N, C-alpha and C. Protein backbone atom coordinates (compact mmCIF):
# COMPACT_ATOMS: atom_id res chain seq x y z
N MET A 1 -17.82 -3.03 1.35
CA MET A 1 -16.93 -1.92 1.60
C MET A 1 -17.64 -0.68 1.06
N LYS A 2 -17.61 0.34 1.95
CA LYS A 2 -18.20 1.56 1.51
C LYS A 2 -17.19 2.53 1.03
N VAL A 3 -17.50 3.45 0.13
CA VAL A 3 -16.70 4.54 -0.23
C VAL A 3 -17.26 5.83 0.29
N SER A 4 -16.46 6.63 0.90
CA SER A 4 -17.01 7.87 1.51
C SER A 4 -17.22 8.95 0.53
N LYS A 5 -17.70 9.99 0.87
CA LYS A 5 -18.05 11.08 0.00
C LYS A 5 -16.62 11.77 -0.51
N GLN A 6 -15.68 11.48 0.26
CA GLN A 6 -14.31 11.96 -0.08
C GLN A 6 -13.59 10.89 -0.84
N ARG A 7 -14.25 9.93 -1.33
CA ARG A 7 -13.71 8.82 -2.26
C ARG A 7 -12.69 7.99 -1.40
N GLN A 8 -12.87 7.88 -0.03
CA GLN A 8 -11.95 7.04 0.76
C GLN A 8 -12.52 5.67 1.02
N ILE A 9 -11.70 4.77 1.20
CA ILE A 9 -12.04 3.41 1.66
C ILE A 9 -11.33 3.00 2.87
N SER A 10 -11.83 1.99 3.65
CA SER A 10 -11.11 1.47 4.74
C SER A 10 -10.71 0.08 4.36
N ILE A 11 -9.51 -0.28 4.63
CA ILE A 11 -8.98 -1.69 4.33
C ILE A 11 -9.32 -2.41 5.50
N PRO A 12 -9.99 -3.64 5.30
CA PRO A 12 -10.39 -4.44 6.54
C PRO A 12 -9.07 -4.86 7.22
N ARG A 13 -9.10 -5.06 8.52
CA ARG A 13 -8.05 -5.30 9.40
C ARG A 13 -7.32 -6.60 8.95
N ASP A 14 -8.08 -7.64 8.58
CA ASP A 14 -7.42 -8.89 8.10
C ASP A 14 -6.59 -8.73 6.92
N PHE A 15 -7.03 -7.92 5.95
CA PHE A 15 -6.19 -7.60 4.74
C PHE A 15 -5.00 -6.79 5.14
N TYR A 16 -5.21 -5.77 5.86
CA TYR A 16 -4.16 -4.92 6.34
C TYR A 16 -3.07 -5.76 6.94
N ASP A 17 -3.48 -6.56 7.95
CA ASP A 17 -2.45 -7.43 8.56
C ASP A 17 -1.75 -8.46 7.68
N ALA A 18 -2.45 -9.05 6.79
CA ALA A 18 -1.98 -10.01 5.89
C ALA A 18 -0.95 -9.42 4.97
N LEU A 19 -1.23 -8.18 4.49
CA LEU A 19 -0.30 -7.55 3.55
C LEU A 19 0.91 -6.78 4.35
N ASN A 20 0.83 -6.79 5.60
CA ASN A 20 1.84 -6.15 6.56
C ASN A 20 1.98 -4.67 6.11
N LEU A 21 0.89 -4.03 5.91
CA LEU A 21 0.87 -2.57 5.46
C LEU A 21 1.25 -1.72 6.69
N ASN A 22 1.80 -0.52 6.35
CA ASN A 22 2.19 0.43 7.26
C ASN A 22 1.48 1.76 6.93
N ASP A 23 2.10 2.84 6.92
CA ASP A 23 1.49 4.14 6.57
C ASP A 23 1.58 4.44 4.99
N GLU A 24 2.14 3.55 4.33
CA GLU A 24 2.20 3.91 2.82
C GLU A 24 1.87 2.58 2.07
N ALA A 25 1.17 2.77 0.85
CA ALA A 25 0.87 1.61 0.05
C ALA A 25 1.04 2.09 -1.40
N ILE A 26 1.22 1.06 -2.29
CA ILE A 26 1.15 1.33 -3.78
C ILE A 26 -0.15 0.92 -4.18
N VAL A 27 -0.86 1.83 -4.97
CA VAL A 27 -2.16 1.50 -5.46
C VAL A 27 -2.03 1.60 -7.05
N GLU A 28 -2.44 0.60 -7.74
CA GLU A 28 -2.39 0.42 -9.17
C GLU A 28 -3.79 0.15 -9.74
N TYR A 29 -4.13 0.82 -10.84
CA TYR A 29 -5.32 0.38 -11.52
C TYR A 29 -4.86 -0.46 -12.78
N THR A 30 -5.53 -1.65 -12.82
CA THR A 30 -5.26 -2.63 -13.85
C THR A 30 -6.51 -2.88 -14.63
N ASP A 31 -6.49 -3.67 -15.69
CA ASP A 31 -7.75 -3.99 -16.35
C ASP A 31 -8.51 -4.98 -15.58
N LYS A 32 -8.00 -5.46 -14.47
CA LYS A 32 -8.90 -6.37 -13.62
C LYS A 32 -9.37 -5.62 -12.36
N GLY A 33 -8.94 -4.43 -12.06
CA GLY A 33 -9.44 -3.72 -10.89
C GLY A 33 -8.28 -2.95 -10.35
N ILE A 34 -8.46 -2.69 -8.96
CA ILE A 34 -7.51 -1.98 -8.28
C ILE A 34 -6.54 -2.94 -7.46
N VAL A 35 -5.31 -2.68 -7.46
CA VAL A 35 -4.36 -3.52 -6.70
C VAL A 35 -3.67 -2.66 -5.59
N ILE A 36 -3.69 -3.12 -4.46
CA ILE A 36 -3.10 -2.38 -3.33
C ILE A 36 -1.95 -3.34 -2.77
N ARG A 37 -0.71 -2.77 -2.70
CA ARG A 37 0.38 -3.59 -2.13
C ARG A 37 1.23 -2.78 -1.34
N PRO A 38 2.11 -3.30 -0.42
CA PRO A 38 2.96 -2.48 0.55
C PRO A 38 3.86 -1.76 -0.34
N ALA A 39 4.06 -0.49 0.20
CA ALA A 39 5.21 0.26 -0.43
C ALA A 39 6.60 -0.24 0.10
N VAL A 40 7.47 -0.39 -0.88
CA VAL A 40 8.84 -0.96 -0.42
C VAL A 40 9.81 0.28 -0.49
N SER A 41 10.47 0.50 0.60
CA SER A 41 11.34 1.62 0.57
C SER A 41 12.65 1.18 -0.15
N ASP A 42 13.14 1.93 -0.92
CA ASP A 42 14.38 1.72 -1.73
C ASP A 42 15.50 2.61 -1.15
N GLU A 43 15.63 2.61 0.17
CA GLU A 43 16.66 3.41 0.76
C GLU A 43 18.13 2.85 0.46
N ILE A 44 18.90 3.69 0.24
CA ILE A 44 20.30 3.34 -0.06
C ILE A 44 21.16 3.65 1.14
N ASP A 45 21.90 2.74 1.65
CA ASP A 45 22.88 3.06 2.69
C ASP A 45 24.22 3.40 2.17
N PHE A 46 24.41 4.67 2.05
CA PHE A 46 25.58 5.19 1.41
C PHE A 46 26.90 4.77 2.10
N LEU A 47 26.84 4.44 3.45
CA LEU A 47 27.99 4.02 4.21
C LEU A 47 28.56 2.69 3.66
N LYS A 48 27.56 1.94 3.17
CA LYS A 48 27.98 0.55 2.67
C LYS A 48 28.67 0.57 1.29
N ILE A 49 28.40 1.77 0.55
CA ILE A 49 28.93 1.93 -0.82
C ILE A 49 30.37 2.20 -0.71
N PHE A 50 30.74 3.10 0.25
CA PHE A 50 32.07 3.54 0.29
C PHE A 50 32.93 2.89 1.39
């Protein structure tokens, strides 16, 4: 995988599909490397609360 001059990388299609990624992801730095996982929306349906 290449890193561009703008520090960008491309996620291979197989990984992208397997993770079911969309237009947002969570990126974490750990002692073992970088972890990329799908962003989960914590939307609250206020109509169900009341």
